[in-house]
Amino acid sequence: MTMSINWFSVGATSLVLLLTCGLLGAMFLIIKLSSDDSGKYKVIKDMVETLFETPAHLRSSPAAKSEADNKEAAAQSAAALEPFVEACPACGDTVTESHKECPSCGLRLQ
C-alpha cells in the first residue's frame, strides 16, 4: 500500500498549531507585562485591570467605604429599634418588633 499525503491537511494543521502557539505566547506575554511593577507597561496594566478588575477611577477610597458602612449600620440599627405593629404576612395576626416568630402560625419574621 502506498500512503499518499494530503498536503492541504498538513498545511491546515500546521497553520492551526502555529496560530495556537502564537496566541498562547501572546497571553503569557500580556500576563508578564501586566504583572511587572516597574511602571514601564502602565498602559497595558491599566487595560488588563479594566478588563478583569474594577478600574482605578471607579474604586472608592477606604475612608468613604467605611463611612458608608457606618451610615448603613446606623440606619439598620435605628430601624431595628423602632417599634412597629404589623400584620403577619401568612395569617394576618398582629405581630410586633419583639416577636421573632408569629405567635399564631409560627412563621419566622426576621
N, C-alpha and C. Protein backbone atom coordinates (compact mmCIF):
# COMPACT_ATOMS: atom_id res chain seq x y z
N MET A 1 0.83 -1.17 0.00
CA MET A 1 0.00 0.00 0.00
C MET A 1 0.88 1.24 0.00
N THR A 2 0.50 2.15 -0.79
CA THR A 2 1.19 3.43 -0.78
C THR A 2 0.38 4.43 0.01
N MET A 3 1.09 5.20 0.74
CA MET A 3 0.44 6.19 1.59
C MET A 3 0.59 7.55 0.91
N SER A 4 -0.52 8.13 0.56
CA SER A 4 -0.46 9.45 -0.06
C SER A 4 -0.69 10.51 1.01
N ILE A 5 0.03 11.56 0.90
CA ILE A 5 -0.06 12.65 1.87
C ILE A 5 -0.95 13.73 1.28
N ASN A 6 -1.91 14.12 2.07
CA ASN A 6 -2.78 15.21 1.67
C ASN A 6 -2.14 16.50 2.17
N TRP A 7 -1.51 17.23 1.28
CA TRP A 7 -0.74 18.42 1.67
C TRP A 7 -1.63 19.53 2.19
N PHE A 8 -2.85 19.56 1.76
CA PHE A 8 -3.76 20.58 2.27
C PHE A 8 -4.02 20.36 3.77
N SER A 9 -4.23 19.11 4.18
CA SER A 9 -4.46 18.81 5.59
C SER A 9 -3.24 19.12 6.44
N VAL A 10 -2.07 18.79 5.92
CA VAL A 10 -0.83 19.07 6.64
C VAL A 10 -0.65 20.58 6.81
N GLY A 11 -0.91 21.34 5.76
CA GLY A 11 -0.78 22.80 5.82
C GLY A 11 -1.78 23.42 6.78
N ALA A 12 -3.03 22.95 6.74
CA ALA A 12 -4.06 23.50 7.63
C ALA A 12 -3.76 23.18 9.08
N THR A 13 -3.33 21.96 9.35
CA THR A 13 -2.97 21.58 10.72
C THR A 13 -1.80 22.40 11.22
N SER A 14 -0.80 22.58 10.39
CA SER A 14 0.37 23.38 10.77
C SER A 14 -0.03 24.83 11.06
N LEU A 15 -0.91 25.38 10.25
CA LEU A 15 -1.36 26.76 10.44
C LEU A 15 -2.13 26.89 11.76
N VAL A 16 -3.01 25.94 12.05
CA VAL A 16 -3.77 25.99 13.30
C VAL A 16 -2.84 25.87 14.50
N LEU A 17 -1.88 24.96 14.45
CA LEU A 17 -0.93 24.81 15.56
C LEU A 17 -0.07 26.06 15.73
N LEU A 18 0.33 26.67 14.63
CA LEU A 18 1.13 27.90 14.70
C LEU A 18 0.33 29.04 15.31
N LEU A 19 -0.93 29.20 14.90
CA LEU A 19 -1.76 30.25 15.48
C LEU A 19 -2.04 30.00 16.96
N THR A 20 -2.25 28.75 17.34
CA THR A 20 -2.50 28.42 18.75
C THR A 20 -1.28 28.74 19.61
N CYS A 21 -0.10 28.36 19.13
CA CYS A 21 1.13 28.68 19.88
C CYS A 21 1.35 30.19 19.95
N GLY A 22 1.03 30.90 18.89
CA GLY A 22 1.17 32.36 18.89
C GLY A 22 0.23 33.01 19.90
N LEU A 23 -1.02 32.57 19.94
CA LEU A 23 -1.98 33.13 20.91
C LEU A 23 -1.58 32.80 22.34
N LEU A 24 -1.13 31.58 22.57
CA LEU A 24 -0.68 31.19 23.91
C LEU A 24 0.52 32.02 24.34
N GLY A 25 1.47 32.23 23.44
CA GLY A 25 2.63 33.07 23.75
C GLY A 25 2.23 34.51 24.02
N ALA A 26 1.27 35.04 23.25
CA ALA A 26 0.80 36.42 23.47
C ALA A 26 0.12 36.54 24.84
N MET A 27 -0.64 35.53 25.24
CA MET A 27 -1.29 35.57 26.55
C MET A 27 -0.25 35.58 27.66
N PHE A 28 0.78 34.74 27.56
CA PHE A 28 1.83 34.74 28.57
C PHE A 28 2.56 36.08 28.60
N LEU A 29 2.78 36.68 27.45
CA LEU A 29 3.46 37.98 27.40
C LEU A 29 2.61 39.07 28.06
N ILE A 30 1.31 39.08 27.79
CA ILE A 30 0.43 40.08 28.40
C ILE A 30 0.39 39.91 29.91
N ILE A 31 0.34 38.67 30.38
CA ILE A 31 0.33 38.43 31.83
C ILE A 31 1.64 38.89 32.45
N LYS A 32 2.75 38.60 31.79
CA LYS A 32 4.05 39.02 32.32
C LYS A 32 4.16 40.53 32.35
N LEU A 33 3.71 41.20 31.30
CA LEU A 33 3.80 42.66 31.26
C LEU A 33 2.86 43.31 32.26
N SER A 34 1.68 42.73 32.45
CA SER A 34 0.73 43.35 33.38
C SER A 34 1.10 43.12 34.84
N SER A 35 1.93 42.13 35.11
CA SER A 35 2.35 41.90 36.49
C SER A 35 3.68 42.58 36.81
N ASP A 36 4.25 43.30 35.85
CA ASP A 36 5.51 44.00 36.05
C ASP A 36 5.27 45.25 36.89
N ASP A 37 6.07 45.45 37.94
CA ASP A 37 5.89 46.59 38.83
C ASP A 37 6.80 47.76 38.50
N SER A 38 7.53 47.70 37.41
CA SER A 38 8.48 48.77 37.11
C SER A 38 7.80 50.03 36.60
N GLY A 39 6.60 49.94 36.08
CA GLY A 39 5.91 51.11 35.56
C GLY A 39 6.13 51.34 34.08
N LYS A 40 6.94 50.50 33.44
CA LYS A 40 7.19 50.67 32.00
C LYS A 40 5.96 50.34 31.17
N TYR A 41 5.14 49.43 31.65
CA TYR A 41 4.00 48.98 30.87
C TYR A 41 2.70 49.33 31.58
N LYS A 42 2.61 50.57 32.06
CA LYS A 42 1.46 51.02 32.83
C LYS A 42 0.18 50.98 32.00
N VAL A 43 0.26 51.30 30.72
CA VAL A 43 -0.92 51.32 29.86
C VAL A 43 -1.50 49.92 29.73
N ILE A 44 -0.64 48.93 29.52
CA ILE A 44 -1.11 47.54 29.39
C ILE A 44 -1.69 47.06 30.72
N LYS A 45 -1.03 47.42 31.80
CA LYS A 45 -1.52 47.02 33.12
C LYS A 45 -2.90 47.63 33.39
N ASP A 46 -3.09 48.90 33.02
CA ASP A 46 -4.40 49.54 33.21
C ASP A 46 -5.48 48.88 32.36
N MET A 47 -5.12 48.49 31.13
CA MET A 47 -6.10 47.80 30.28
C MET A 47 -6.51 46.47 30.87
N VAL A 48 -5.55 45.70 31.39
CA VAL A 48 -5.87 44.40 31.98
C VAL A 48 -6.70 44.59 33.25
N GLU A 49 -6.37 45.58 34.06
CA GLU A 49 -7.16 45.86 35.27
C GLU A 49 -8.58 46.27 34.91
N THR A 50 -8.73 47.03 33.85
CA THR A 50 -10.06 47.45 33.42
C THR A 50 -10.89 46.26 32.96
N LEU A 51 -10.24 45.30 32.31
CA LEU A 51 -10.97 44.13 31.83
C LEU A 51 -11.35 43.17 32.95
N PHE A 52 -10.45 42.95 33.91
CA PHE A 52 -10.65 41.88 34.88
C PHE A 52 -10.89 42.35 36.30
N GLU A 53 -10.77 43.63 36.60
CA GLU A 53 -10.98 44.14 37.95
C GLU A 53 -11.78 45.43 37.84
N THR A 54 -12.07 46.01 38.99
CA THR A 54 -12.69 47.33 38.99
C THR A 54 -11.63 48.36 38.64
N PRO A 55 -11.88 49.21 37.64
CA PRO A 55 -10.89 50.21 37.26
C PRO A 55 -10.58 51.16 38.41
N ALA A 56 -9.39 51.71 38.38
CA ALA A 56 -8.93 52.57 39.47
C ALA A 56 -9.83 53.79 39.66
N HIS A 57 -10.36 54.35 38.57
CA HIS A 57 -11.19 55.55 38.71
C HIS A 57 -12.58 55.23 39.27
N LEU A 58 -12.97 53.95 39.34
CA LEU A 58 -14.26 53.59 39.91
C LEU A 58 -14.16 53.04 41.32
N ARG A 59 -12.96 52.79 41.79
CA ARG A 59 -12.79 52.28 43.15
C ARG A 59 -13.04 53.38 44.16
N SER A 60 -13.73 53.04 45.24
CA SER A 60 -13.95 54.03 46.29
C SER A 60 -12.79 53.95 47.28
N SER A 61 -12.53 55.06 47.90
CA SER A 61 -11.45 55.08 48.87
C SER A 61 -11.89 54.34 50.13
N PRO A 62 -10.96 53.78 50.90
CA PRO A 62 -11.34 53.05 52.11
C PRO A 62 -12.08 53.92 53.13
N ALA A 63 -11.74 55.20 53.22
CA ALA A 63 -12.42 56.09 54.17
C ALA A 63 -13.87 56.29 53.78
N ALA A 64 -14.13 56.48 52.49
CA ALA A 64 -15.50 56.66 52.03
C ALA A 64 -16.30 55.39 52.21
N LYS A 65 -15.65 54.25 51.99
CA LYS A 65 -16.35 52.97 52.13
C LYS A 65 -16.72 52.73 53.59
N SER A 66 -15.80 52.99 54.52
CA SER A 66 -16.10 52.76 55.94
C SER A 66 -17.17 53.74 56.42
N GLU A 67 -17.16 54.96 55.90
CA GLU A 67 -18.18 55.93 56.29
C GLU A 67 -19.55 55.49 55.79
N ALA A 68 -19.60 54.96 54.57
CA ALA A 68 -20.87 54.47 54.04
C ALA A 68 -21.36 53.26 54.83
N ASP A 69 -20.42 52.38 55.21
CA ASP A 69 -20.79 51.22 56.01
C ASP A 69 -21.33 51.64 57.38
N ASN A 70 -20.71 52.67 57.98
CA ASN A 70 -21.17 53.16 59.28
C ASN A 70 -22.58 53.74 59.18
N LYS A 71 -22.85 54.49 58.11
CA LYS A 71 -24.19 55.07 57.93
C LYS A 71 -25.23 53.96 57.73
N GLU A 72 -24.86 52.95 56.96
CA GLU A 72 -25.79 51.85 56.71
C GLU A 72 -26.07 51.07 57.99
N ALA A 73 -25.03 50.82 58.78
CA ALA A 73 -25.21 50.09 60.04
C ALA A 73 -26.06 50.90 61.01
N ALA A 74 -25.86 52.22 61.05
CA ALA A 74 -26.66 53.07 61.93
C ALA A 74 -28.13 53.06 61.51
N ALA A 75 -28.37 53.08 60.21
CA ALA A 75 -29.75 53.06 59.72
C ALA A 75 -30.42 51.73 60.03
N GLN A 76 -29.68 50.63 59.91
CA GLN A 76 -30.24 49.32 60.22
C GLN A 76 -30.53 49.17 61.71
N SER A 77 -29.62 49.66 62.55
CA SER A 77 -29.85 49.53 63.99
C SER A 77 -31.01 50.43 64.43
N ALA A 78 -31.12 51.62 63.81
CA ALA A 78 -32.24 52.50 64.15
C ALA A 78 -33.56 51.87 63.72
N ALA A 79 -33.56 51.24 62.56
CA ALA A 79 -34.78 50.58 62.08
C ALA A 79 -35.13 49.39 62.97
N ALA A 80 -34.12 48.71 63.49
CA ALA A 80 -34.37 47.56 64.34
C ALA A 80 -34.93 47.98 65.70
N LEU A 81 -34.59 49.17 66.16
CA LEU A 81 -35.05 49.62 67.48
C LEU A 81 -36.42 50.26 67.45
N GLU A 82 -36.87 50.71 66.29
CA GLU A 82 -38.16 51.38 66.20
C GLU A 82 -39.29 50.37 66.42
N PRO A 83 -40.23 50.71 67.29
CA PRO A 83 -41.34 49.78 67.50
C PRO A 83 -42.30 49.79 66.30
N PHE A 84 -42.88 48.64 66.03
CA PHE A 84 -43.87 48.56 64.96
C PHE A 84 -44.90 47.50 65.31
N VAL A 85 -46.04 47.65 64.72
CA VAL A 85 -47.12 46.68 64.85
C VAL A 85 -47.63 46.45 63.43
N GLU A 86 -47.49 45.21 62.95
CA GLU A 86 -47.91 44.88 61.58
C GLU A 86 -48.67 43.57 61.58
N ALA A 87 -49.28 43.31 60.47
CA ALA A 87 -49.98 42.03 60.30
C ALA A 87 -48.98 40.99 59.79
N CYS A 88 -49.11 39.76 60.28
CA CYS A 88 -48.27 38.66 59.82
C CYS A 88 -48.56 38.41 58.34
N PRO A 89 -47.55 38.25 57.51
CA PRO A 89 -47.80 38.03 56.08
C PRO A 89 -48.51 36.71 55.79
N ALA A 90 -48.40 35.74 56.70
CA ALA A 90 -49.01 34.44 56.44
C ALA A 90 -50.45 34.36 56.93
N CYS A 91 -50.67 34.76 58.19
CA CYS A 91 -52.01 34.54 58.76
C CYS A 91 -52.77 35.83 59.04
N GLY A 92 -52.08 36.98 59.03
CA GLY A 92 -52.76 38.25 59.27
C GLY A 92 -52.87 38.63 60.73
N ASP A 93 -52.34 37.82 61.63
CA ASP A 93 -52.37 38.13 63.06
C ASP A 93 -51.40 39.28 63.34
N THR A 94 -51.63 40.05 64.38
CA THR A 94 -50.79 41.20 64.71
C THR A 94 -49.48 40.74 65.36
N VAL A 95 -48.37 41.27 64.84
CA VAL A 95 -47.04 40.98 65.40
C VAL A 95 -46.32 42.29 65.65
N THR A 96 -45.37 42.28 66.60
CA THR A 96 -44.58 43.46 66.92
C THR A 96 -43.11 43.16 66.71
N GLU A 97 -42.26 44.17 66.99
CA GLU A 97 -40.81 44.01 66.81
C GLU A 97 -40.22 42.98 67.78
N SER A 98 -40.90 42.69 68.84
CA SER A 98 -40.37 41.74 69.82
C SER A 98 -40.60 40.29 69.41
N HIS A 99 -41.47 40.05 68.46
CA HIS A 99 -41.74 38.68 68.01
C HIS A 99 -40.72 38.23 66.97
N LYS A 100 -40.07 37.12 67.27
CA LYS A 100 -39.19 36.51 66.27
C LYS A 100 -39.99 35.60 65.36
N GLU A 101 -41.07 35.04 65.89
CA GLU A 101 -41.96 34.18 65.15
C GLU A 101 -43.39 34.63 65.42
N CYS A 102 -44.25 34.41 64.47
CA CYS A 102 -45.66 34.76 64.65
C CYS A 102 -46.25 33.86 65.74
N PRO A 103 -46.93 34.46 66.74
CA PRO A 103 -47.46 33.63 67.83
C PRO A 103 -48.56 32.67 67.38
N SER A 104 -49.26 32.98 66.31
CA SER A 104 -50.36 32.09 65.92
C SER A 104 -49.96 31.04 64.89
N CYS A 105 -49.14 31.39 63.91
CA CYS A 105 -48.80 30.42 62.86
C CYS A 105 -47.36 29.94 62.92
N GLY A 106 -46.48 30.61 63.67
CA GLY A 106 -45.09 30.17 63.80
C GLY A 106 -44.17 30.60 62.67
N LEU A 107 -44.62 31.51 61.80
CA LEU A 107 -43.79 31.99 60.71
C LEU A 107 -42.61 32.79 61.25
N ARG A 108 -41.41 32.49 60.78
CA ARG A 108 -40.23 33.23 61.23
C ARG A 108 -40.24 34.61 60.57
N LEU A 109 -40.12 35.64 61.38
CA LEU A 109 -40.31 37.01 60.89
C LEU A 109 -38.99 37.71 60.58
N GLN A 110 -37.89 37.32 61.19
CA GLN A 110 -36.64 38.06 60.96
C GLN A 110 -35.63 37.23 60.28
